[in-house]
Structures are given as structure tokens and as C-alpha cells.
Protein backbone atom coordinates (compact mmCIF):
# COMPACT_ATOMS: atom_id res chain seq x y z
CA MET A 1 -48.72 24.78 -28.22
CA LYS A 2 -48.68 28.18 -29.91
CA LEU A 3 -48.70 31.22 -27.62
CA LEU A 4 -49.29 34.90 -28.28
CA ALA A 5 -47.35 37.51 -26.34
CA ARG A 6 -48.77 41.05 -26.59
CA ASN A 7 -48.02 44.52 -25.24
CA LEU A 8 -44.30 44.01 -25.76
CA ALA A 9 -41.93 46.97 -25.61
CA ARG A 10 -40.82 47.96 -29.09
CA THR A 11 -37.22 47.35 -28.01
CA THR A 12 -37.84 43.69 -27.08
CA THR A 13 -36.00 41.23 -29.36
CA GLU A 14 -36.76 37.67 -30.43
CA ALA A 15 -33.66 36.45 -28.55
CA GLU A 16 -34.87 38.05 -25.30
CA LEU A 17 -38.32 36.49 -25.71
CA LYS A 18 -36.90 33.07 -26.52
CA THR A 19 -34.65 33.19 -23.45
CA LEU A 20 -37.57 34.29 -21.28
CA PHE A 21 -39.85 31.47 -22.45
CA GLU A 22 -37.08 28.83 -22.32
CA THR A 23 -37.06 29.15 -18.54
CA TYR A 24 -40.38 27.20 -18.65
CA GLY A 25 -39.44 24.61 -21.28
CA LYS A 26 -38.24 24.04 -24.82
CA VAL A 27 -39.12 26.73 -27.36
CA GLN A 28 -39.60 25.43 -30.90
CA TYR A 29 -39.60 28.92 -32.40
CA CYS A 30 -40.20 32.56 -31.53
CA THR A 31 -41.41 35.05 -34.14
CA LEU A 32 -41.59 38.75 -33.35
CA ALA A 33 -44.03 40.64 -35.60
CA THR A 34 -42.28 43.50 -37.37
CA ASP A 35 -43.36 46.28 -39.69
CA LYS A 36 -42.53 45.45 -43.34
CA ASP A 37 -41.37 48.97 -44.17
CA THR A 38 -39.40 49.97 -41.08
CA GLY A 39 -38.51 46.58 -39.56
CA ASN A 40 -39.58 47.86 -36.13
CA SER A 41 -41.44 45.62 -33.70
CA LYS A 42 -45.25 45.76 -33.74
CA GLY A 43 -45.38 44.85 -30.06
CA PHE A 44 -46.47 41.20 -30.27
CA ALA A 45 -44.92 37.81 -30.95
CA PHE A 46 -45.81 34.15 -31.46
CA ILE A 47 -43.99 31.49 -29.47
CA GLU A 48 -44.32 27.76 -30.19
CA MET A 49 -43.67 25.37 -27.29
CA PRO A 50 -43.97 21.64 -28.12
CA SER A 51 -45.00 20.65 -24.59
CA PRO A 52 -48.52 21.85 -23.61
CA GLY A 53 -47.57 21.62 -19.92
CA ASP A 54 -44.56 23.89 -20.42
CA ALA A 55 -46.69 26.30 -22.45
CA ARG A 56 -49.37 26.49 -19.71
CA ALA A 57 -46.64 27.14 -17.12
CA ALA A 58 -45.23 29.95 -19.28
CA VAL A 59 -48.69 31.52 -19.67
CA LYS A 60 -49.40 31.28 -15.94
CA ASN A 61 -46.07 32.80 -14.91
CA LEU A 62 -45.45 35.35 -17.66
CA ASN A 63 -48.93 36.84 -18.17
CA GLY A 64 -48.84 40.26 -16.48
CA LYS A 65 -45.06 40.20 -15.96
CA ASP A 66 -43.10 43.42 -16.45
CA LEU A 67 -40.66 43.15 -19.36
CA ALA A 68 -38.61 46.17 -20.43
CA GLY A 69 -41.11 48.55 -18.82
CA SER A 70 -44.23 46.93 -20.35
CA LYS A 71 -46.68 44.62 -18.62
CA ILE A 72 -46.87 41.79 -21.16
CA ARG A 73 -49.93 39.64 -21.83
CA VAL A 74 -49.45 36.00 -22.73
CA LYS A 75 -52.17 33.59 -23.82
CA LYS A 76 -52.78 30.62 -26.06
CA ALA A 77 -52.89 31.78 -29.67
CA GLU A 78 -56.21 31.21 -31.40
CA SER A 79 -56.14 29.83 -34.91
CA LYS A 80 -57.69 31.89 -37.67
CA LYS A 81 -61.29 30.97 -38.34
CA PRO A 82 -61.98 29.94 -41.94
CA GLU A 83 -64.29 32.19 -43.89
CA GLN A 84 -67.88 31.02 -43.98
CA ALA A 85 -68.67 29.04 -47.11
CA GLU A 86 -72.22 30.34 -47.32
CA PRO A 87 -73.27 33.94 -46.79
CA LYS A 88 -75.58 34.62 -43.87
CA GLN A 89 -79.30 34.36 -44.54
CA LYS A 90 -80.97 37.76 -44.62
CA SER A 91 -84.29 38.31 -42.95
CA PRO A 92 -87.23 38.92 -45.33
CA GLU A 93 -87.42 42.53 -44.11
CA ALA A 94 -83.71 43.08 -44.81
CA GLU A 95 -84.11 41.59 -48.28
CA LYS A 96 -87.01 43.97 -49.00
CA VAL A 97 -84.94 46.96 -47.91
CA ALA A 98 -82.02 45.77 -50.06
CA ALA A 99 -84.34 45.32 -53.06
CA VAL A 100 -85.77 48.82 -52.60
CA ASN A 101 -82.26 50.26 -52.37
CA ILE A 102 -81.18 48.45 -55.53
CA ASP A 103 -84.26 49.72 -57.39
CA ALA A 104 -83.65 53.26 -56.18
CA GLU A 105 -80.01 53.06 -57.27
CA LYS A 106 -81.02 51.84 -60.73
CA LYS A 107 -83.53 54.66 -61.11
CA ALA A 108 -81.00 57.24 -59.96
CA THR A 109 -78.42 55.85 -62.39
CA GLU A 110 -80.88 56.00 -65.30
CA LYS A 111 -81.90 59.52 -64.32
CA ALA A 112 -78.26 60.61 -64.14
CA LYS A 113 -77.58 59.18 -67.60
CA THR A 114 -80.32 61.35 -69.12
CA ARG A 115 -79.08 64.56 -67.48
CA LYS A 116 -76.35 66.77 -68.77
CA PRO A 117 -73.12 66.39 -66.81
CA GLU A 118 -73.36 69.84 -65.23
CA GLN A 119 -76.88 69.02 -63.96
CA ALA A 120 -75.96 65.68 -62.39
CA GLU A 121 -76.18 65.62 -58.62
CA PRO A 122 -73.51 63.85 -56.62
CA LYS A 123 -74.65 60.38 -55.62
CA GLN A 124 -75.14 60.05 -51.88
CA LYS A 125 -75.55 56.69 -50.22
CA LYS A 126 -77.42 56.43 -46.96
CA THR A 127 -75.49 54.94 -44.11
CA GLU A 128 -76.92 52.03 -42.17
CA ALA A 129 -77.67 54.40 -39.29
CA GLU A 130 -79.63 56.74 -41.59
CA LYS A 131 -81.63 53.81 -42.96
CA ALA A 132 -82.42 52.56 -39.46
CA ALA A 133 -83.42 56.07 -38.39
CA ALA A 134 -85.80 56.39 -41.35
CA ILE A 135 -87.42 53.07 -40.49
CA ASN A 136 -87.79 54.16 -36.84
CA ILE A 137 -89.37 57.48 -37.87
CA GLU A 138 -91.96 55.68 -40.00
CA ALA A 139 -92.75 53.28 -37.14
CA ASP A 140 -93.13 56.23 -34.73
CA LYS A 141 -95.52 57.99 -37.14
CA LYS A 142 -97.68 54.88 -37.41
CA ALA A 143 -97.73 54.40 -33.63
CA THR A 144 -98.69 58.06 -33.12
CA GLU A 145 -101.55 57.80 -35.60
CA LYS A 146 -102.90 54.72 -33.84
CA ALA A 147 -102.62 56.37 -30.41
CA LYS A 148 -104.53 59.55 -31.36
CA PRO A 149 -108.12 59.51 -30.12
CA LYS A 150 -110.58 59.91 -32.97
CA LYS A 151 -113.11 62.69 -32.60
CA ASP A 152 -116.68 61.51 -32.53
CA GLU A 153 -118.40 63.75 -35.05
CA SER A 154 -121.87 62.64 -33.97
CA LYS A 155 -121.47 64.60 -30.74
CA GLN A 156 -121.33 68.29 -31.38
CA ASP A 157 -120.12 70.73 -28.81
CA ALA A 158 -122.96 72.56 -27.17
CA PRO A 159 -122.88 76.35 -27.52
CA ILE A 160 -121.58 78.12 -24.42
CA ASN A 161 -124.18 80.15 -22.59
CA PRO A 162 -122.38 83.30 -21.52
CA GLY A 163 -125.13 84.06 -18.98
CA ILE A 164 -124.06 81.24 -16.71
CA TRP A 165 -120.65 82.72 -16.05
CA SER A 166 -121.67 86.33 -15.54
CA LYS A 167 -122.78 87.76 -12.14
């Protein structure tokens, strides 16, 4: 069973880890992750223990243990998930927005080609947050328009008789 040990002190060595895990059973290998440039520890390691029972005992007893001044975390290592073969399906609304953005980009590109270089404006892409905000603003405008009471033009305001209010 492959285990992941995290939050290791940068001074911890593979030999120390192997010795620590061997107290719970046989260790097939121990690999400390190191920086390619400096060779310094990255603070995590993978430990392979052939016996699942020994590995569970190591996780139970070593998770949260203090090692060289660091409280280490030990758990079963998760295998990497393969990339999805098919891209996610986009909603029809998302596809419309994408199509509009592509059209707008094409138009801007064509417009930029016809301008002189000193007149060209820097291309600015909207972030996802800006796009969402624009959609929300449009929805708010529509909701406000629907909520406004419409004035009935058939009823005209009667003229105010100033004599009523005077003494």
C-alpha cells in the first residue's frame, strides 16, 4: 500500500522516514520529494508498504506525530486520475456566450488589421467574473423593467384646487 507523508521538516531524510515506518512493518521503498535545482526536501514523501495491515497501522500511529519539530500527516496515497477522454458538455447558454465571444474576437482582429499600428488599441479580454457581472447586470435591468408599474394614461391627474387648502 502506498502512503503519503506530508508536512515533513525540511531536514528529515529518507533514512529517518524508512526507519520510522519500519517500526510498523516492512517498507518496500521510501522516496522523499526533493527540489530538482537545489536538492532540498519539498516536505513530503511516498512510502510503499507491501502489507496493507502494516500500512494502516503506520497511518493510525504516525498521523499527527511530531517528527523533527513538525506534526506530520500520513494517509493513503491517491493515484492520479486519468484525464477525461471527452471534454465536458457545455450548456447551450455557455455555447452561445462562447460563440459571441469568438465572433467579437474575429471582428476586433479584422478591425485591428485595417488600422495603422499606432492606432491599434491593446486587446483586452474580459475575465470570467466580468462576463458573469455583465450577464447579471442585464438580468437586473430586465427584472427592473418588469417590476416598474406602468402609468395608466387614460386617467389624467385632476387639477389641484388651491381654494380647498386655503383658510
